[in-house]
Amino acid sequence: MSSSHAHSHGHKDAAHHGIPVITIDGPTASGKGTVAARVAQRLGFHYLDSGVLYRLVAMKLVQEGEDGANEDAAVRAAQTLEPEFLSDGRIMLSGEDVSAAIRADGIGLQASRLAVHPAVREALNVLQHRARKEPGLVADGRDMGTVVFPDAPLKVFLTASVQARAERRHKQLLEKGFSATLEKILHDLKERDHRDAGRTVAPLKPAEDAFWLDSGNLTVDETVDRVLAAWQERQKA
């Protein structure tokens, strides 16, 4: 089936449509970031962690003494965001290495708050589309397959029970030297799931043609292998 006619309505980034995108969406702490980064590495594709963009906007707001609930401030921050993603995985904002700071739970909460504003998402969509470069892109987030890259040939929906995700997040935080209780993490995750799935703009939901993958009982490598196998299948189709 040819899809060339589908985009003949002069879509503004029509030039990008030949560049393959694999989207990996899923709830908080489903492991999508790690999986997406490794899939990108194995394929030699670029990697976009869309959640980081929201965290960077949150970080910028915090630096300006603002709050994620302030839509105007959040939109301004999103429109003027110029992060630098270094090849060693570090993330720079205004010349400062914020890789660790943006992972703090408080920043994640603010990011989830400002993600409900349509205008913020609109501003960040522009940045996200810019990430679509040769030879391809692996993008992870919550609405990559449904909103940002609806034409992606492979849309993975990575899921795991809230308990499995809480345990994973708990382990991650302890390894990084943060103190955290499992109960609190479980509570926060449930709250974020509820907010992410319930918001009116780009709610967390699988694309209609998504490839569902439950990573609860899989190692990262097994999960990566399954995504790559699904990609090979799509290439043959």
Protein backbone atom coordinates (compact mmCIF):
# COMPACT_ATOMS: atom_id res chain seq x y z
CA MET A 1 0.00 0.00 0.00
CA SER A 2 1.39 3.38 -0.99
CA SER A 3 1.03 6.10 1.59
CA SER A 4 2.49 8.81 -0.59
CA HIS A 5 -0.90 10.34 -1.26
CA ALA A 6 -1.70 10.53 2.43
CA HIS A 7 0.67 13.41 3.02
CA SER A 8 -0.06 15.39 -0.11
CA HIS A 9 -1.87 18.05 1.91
CA GLY A 10 1.40 19.97 2.24
CA HIS A 11 2.35 18.80 5.72
CA LYS A 12 4.98 21.21 7.01
CA ASP A 13 7.58 18.53 7.62
CA ALA A 14 6.77 16.42 4.61
CA ALA A 15 10.48 16.38 3.78
CA HIS A 16 11.07 14.28 6.86
CA HIS A 17 8.63 11.54 6.02
CA GLY A 18 11.25 9.34 4.45
CA ILE A 19 13.21 9.23 7.71
CA PRO A 20 12.19 6.23 9.83
CA VAL A 21 11.04 6.75 13.39
CA ILE A 22 10.49 4.18 16.11
CA THR A 23 8.36 5.56 18.92
CA ILE A 24 8.40 4.05 22.39
CA ASP A 25 5.61 5.31 24.61
CA GLY A 26 4.62 4.18 28.04
CA PRO A 27 3.96 5.19 31.62
CA THR A 28 6.54 6.58 34.05
CA ALA A 29 9.31 4.13 34.98
CA SER A 30 8.31 1.54 32.36
CA GLY A 31 11.98 1.47 31.34
CA LYS A 32 11.27 3.16 28.01
CA GLY A 33 14.23 5.56 28.21
CA THR A 34 16.82 2.84 28.69
CA VAL A 35 15.22 0.65 26.04
CA ALA A 36 14.90 3.48 23.51
CA ALA A 37 18.51 4.58 24.02
CA ARG A 38 19.79 1.03 23.46
CA VAL A 39 17.59 0.44 20.41
CA ALA A 40 18.94 3.69 18.94
CA GLN A 41 22.49 2.59 19.70
CA ARG A 42 22.00 -0.83 18.07
CA LEU A 43 20.47 0.70 14.92
CA GLY A 44 22.81 3.71 14.77
CA PHE A 45 19.78 6.02 14.99
CA HIS A 46 19.42 9.32 16.83
CA TYR A 47 17.65 9.21 20.19
CA LEU A 48 15.06 11.65 21.54
CA ASP A 49 13.98 11.51 25.16
CA SER A 50 10.93 13.75 25.01
CA GLY A 51 10.43 13.55 28.77
CA VAL A 52 13.76 15.29 29.21
CA LEU A 53 12.42 18.29 27.28
CA TYR A 54 9.56 18.65 29.76
CA ARG A 55 11.98 18.24 32.65
CA LEU A 56 14.24 20.89 31.12
CA VAL A 57 11.34 23.33 30.87
CA ALA A 58 10.52 22.53 34.51
CA MET A 59 14.16 23.10 35.46
CA LYS A 60 14.17 26.43 33.65
CA LEU A 61 11.00 27.49 35.48
CA VAL A 62 12.46 26.51 38.83
CA GLN A 63 15.59 28.55 38.01
CA GLU A 64 13.32 31.50 37.22
CA GLY A 65 11.37 31.02 40.43
CA GLU A 66 8.25 29.99 38.50
CA ASP A 67 5.90 27.03 38.81
CA GLY A 68 4.74 24.43 36.29
CA ALA A 69 1.15 25.52 36.83
CA ASN A 70 1.93 28.94 35.30
CA GLU A 71 1.10 28.34 31.64
CA ASP A 72 2.51 31.61 30.24
CA ALA A 73 5.85 31.18 31.96
CA ALA A 74 5.98 27.52 30.89
CA VAL A 75 5.26 28.40 27.25
CA ARG A 76 7.97 31.09 27.25
CA ALA A 77 10.44 28.64 28.77
CA ALA A 78 9.52 25.98 26.18
CA GLN A 79 9.86 28.38 23.24
CA THR A 80 13.30 29.58 24.31
CA LEU A 81 14.63 26.17 25.34
CA GLU A 82 18.03 25.46 23.82
CA PRO A 83 19.31 22.30 25.45
CA GLU A 84 22.55 20.68 24.37
CA PHE A 85 22.63 16.88 24.31
CA LEU A 86 26.25 15.78 24.49
CA SER A 87 27.39 12.53 22.92
CA ASP A 88 28.40 11.14 26.33
CA GLY A 89 24.81 11.39 27.49
CA ARG A 90 25.15 14.59 29.50
CA ILE A 91 22.55 17.33 29.10
CA MET A 92 23.49 21.00 29.24
CA LEU A 93 21.14 23.92 29.89
CA SER A 94 22.50 27.48 29.75
CA GLY A 95 26.02 26.05 29.91
CA GLU A 96 25.28 24.05 33.05
CA ASP A 97 25.32 20.25 33.30
CA VAL A 98 21.81 19.41 34.52
CA SER A 99 21.84 15.66 33.78
CA ALA A 100 21.45 14.69 37.43
CA ALA A 101 19.39 17.66 38.59
CA ILE A 102 16.56 17.08 36.10
CA ARG A 103 16.08 13.56 37.48
CA ALA A 104 14.98 14.79 40.90
CA ASP A 105 11.41 13.78 41.72
CA GLY A 106 10.34 17.39 42.27
CA ILE A 107 11.35 18.27 38.73
CA GLY A 108 9.46 15.25 37.39
CA LEU A 109 6.34 16.40 39.19
CA GLN A 110 6.61 19.94 37.79
CA ALA A 111 7.22 18.47 34.33
CA SER A 112 4.03 16.43 34.61
CA ARG A 113 2.17 19.60 35.68
CA LEU A 114 3.30 21.72 32.76
CA ALA A 115 2.75 18.88 30.27
CA VAL A 116 -1.01 19.44 30.57
CA HIS A 117 -0.74 22.84 28.84
CA PRO A 118 -1.50 22.52 25.10
CA ALA A 119 0.68 25.53 24.17
CA VAL A 120 3.69 24.04 25.97
CA ARG A 121 3.30 20.76 24.08
CA GLU A 122 2.93 22.71 20.83
CA ALA A 123 6.22 24.58 21.46
CA LEU A 124 8.04 21.36 22.30
CA ASN A 125 6.61 19.52 19.28
CA VAL A 126 8.65 21.88 17.10
CA LEU A 127 11.83 20.84 18.92
CA GLN A 128 10.85 17.18 18.67
CA HIS A 129 10.25 17.29 14.93
CA ARG A 130 13.70 18.84 14.52
CA ALA A 131 15.19 15.70 16.05
CA ARG A 132 14.02 13.65 13.06
CA LYS A 133 17.29 13.29 11.19
CA GLU A 134 18.97 10.69 8.98
CA PRO A 135 19.45 7.79 9.29
CA GLY A 136 16.51 7.52 11.72
CA LEU A 137 15.16 8.35 15.15
CA VAL A 138 14.06 6.46 18.23
CA ALA A 139 11.80 8.71 20.30
CA ASP A 140 10.44 7.90 23.72
CA GLY A 141 7.70 9.61 25.67
CA ARG A 142 3.97 9.46 26.23
CA ASP A 143 2.53 10.75 22.97
CA MET A 144 5.30 10.10 20.46
CA GLY A 145 3.28 7.56 18.47
CA THR A 146 -0.12 9.19 18.88
CA VAL A 147 0.63 12.91 18.45
CA VAL A 148 4.22 13.80 17.58
CA PHE A 149 5.14 11.10 15.03
CA PRO A 150 1.82 9.52 14.00
CA ASP A 151 3.42 8.26 10.76
CA ALA A 152 6.15 6.27 12.57
CA PRO A 153 6.45 2.78 11.03
CA LEU A 154 6.87 1.16 14.47
CA LYS A 155 5.07 2.40 17.58
CA VAL A 156 5.90 0.49 20.72
CA PHE A 157 3.74 0.77 23.81
CA LEU A 158 5.91 -0.35 26.70
CA THR A 159 4.07 -1.21 29.83
CA ALA A 160 4.59 -2.90 33.20
CA SER A 161 2.50 -3.15 36.35
CA VAL A 162 2.68 -0.15 38.66
CA GLN A 163 4.28 -2.42 41.29
CA ALA A 164 7.03 -3.58 38.89
CA ARG A 165 7.66 0.02 37.86
CA ALA A 166 7.81 1.28 41.44
CA GLU A 167 10.34 -1.40 42.36
CA ARG A 168 12.43 -0.52 39.31
CA ARG A 169 12.34 3.21 40.07
CA HIS A 170 13.16 2.53 43.75
CA LYS A 171 16.21 0.52 42.76
CA GLN A 172 17.33 3.23 40.31
CA LEU A 173 17.06 5.96 42.93
CA LEU A 174 18.92 3.98 45.58
CA GLU A 175 21.70 3.24 43.08
CA LYS A 176 22.00 6.96 42.39
CA GLY A 177 22.20 7.70 46.10
CA PHE A 178 18.74 9.25 46.48
CA SER A 179 16.71 8.15 49.48
CA ALA A 180 13.19 7.05 48.65
CA THR A 181 10.57 4.76 50.09
CA LEU A 182 8.76 2.27 47.93
CA GLU A 183 5.37 3.39 49.31
CA LYS A 184 5.98 7.00 48.30
CA ILE A 185 7.17 6.01 44.82
CA LEU A 186 4.14 3.74 44.36
CA HIS A 187 1.83 6.58 45.40
CA ASP A 188 3.55 9.10 43.09
CA LEU A 189 3.47 6.72 40.13
CA LYS A 190 -0.24 6.04 40.55
CA GLU A 191 -0.87 9.78 40.73
CA ARG A 192 1.19 10.43 37.60
CA ASP A 193 -0.42 7.57 35.68
CA HIS A 194 -3.81 8.99 36.56
CA ARG A 195 -2.82 12.50 35.47
CA ASP A 196 -1.05 11.35 32.29
CA ALA A 197 -3.92 9.13 31.18
CA GLY A 198 -6.60 11.60 32.19
CA ARG A 199 -5.39 14.82 30.63
CA THR A 200 -7.34 16.15 27.67
CA VAL A 201 -4.29 16.99 25.55
CA ALA A 202 -2.22 14.06 24.31
CA PRO A 203 -3.20 11.66 27.08
CA LEU A 204 -1.06 8.60 27.64
CA LYS A 205 -2.65 5.92 25.49
CA PRO A 206 -1.35 3.42 22.97
CA ALA A 207 -1.58 4.26 19.28
CA GLU A 208 -4.18 2.15 17.47
CA ASP A 209 -1.45 0.31 15.60
CA ALA A 210 0.89 0.05 18.60
CA PHE A 211 3.04 -2.98 19.35
CA TRP A 212 2.29 -3.77 23.02
CA LEU A 213 5.21 -4.95 25.11
CA ASP A 214 5.01 -5.77 28.80
CA SER A 215 8.50 -5.38 30.23
CA GLY A 216 7.54 -6.46 33.74
CA ASN A 217 9.26 -9.84 33.54
CA LEU A 218 11.85 -9.00 30.89
CA THR A 219 15.41 -7.76 31.28
CA VAL A 220 16.39 -4.60 29.41
CA ASP A 221 18.26 -6.68 26.81
CA GLU A 222 15.27 -8.97 26.23
CA THR A 223 13.02 -5.95 25.81
CA VAL A 224 15.46 -4.34 23.35
CA ASP A 225 15.67 -7.60 21.36
CA ARG A 226 11.87 -7.73 21.07
CA VAL A 227 11.69 -4.17 19.81
CA LEU A 228 14.42 -4.87 17.24
CA ALA A 229 12.64 -8.06 16.13
CA ALA A 230 9.42 -6.08 15.64
CA TRP A 231 11.41 -3.53 13.63
CA GLN A 232 12.85 -6.26 11.38
CA GLU A 233 9.29 -7.52 10.80
CA ARG A 234 8.15 -4.03 9.81
CA GLN A 235 11.07 -3.73 7.38
CA LYS A 236 9.94 -6.91 5.61
CA ALA A 237 6.30 -5.87 5.44
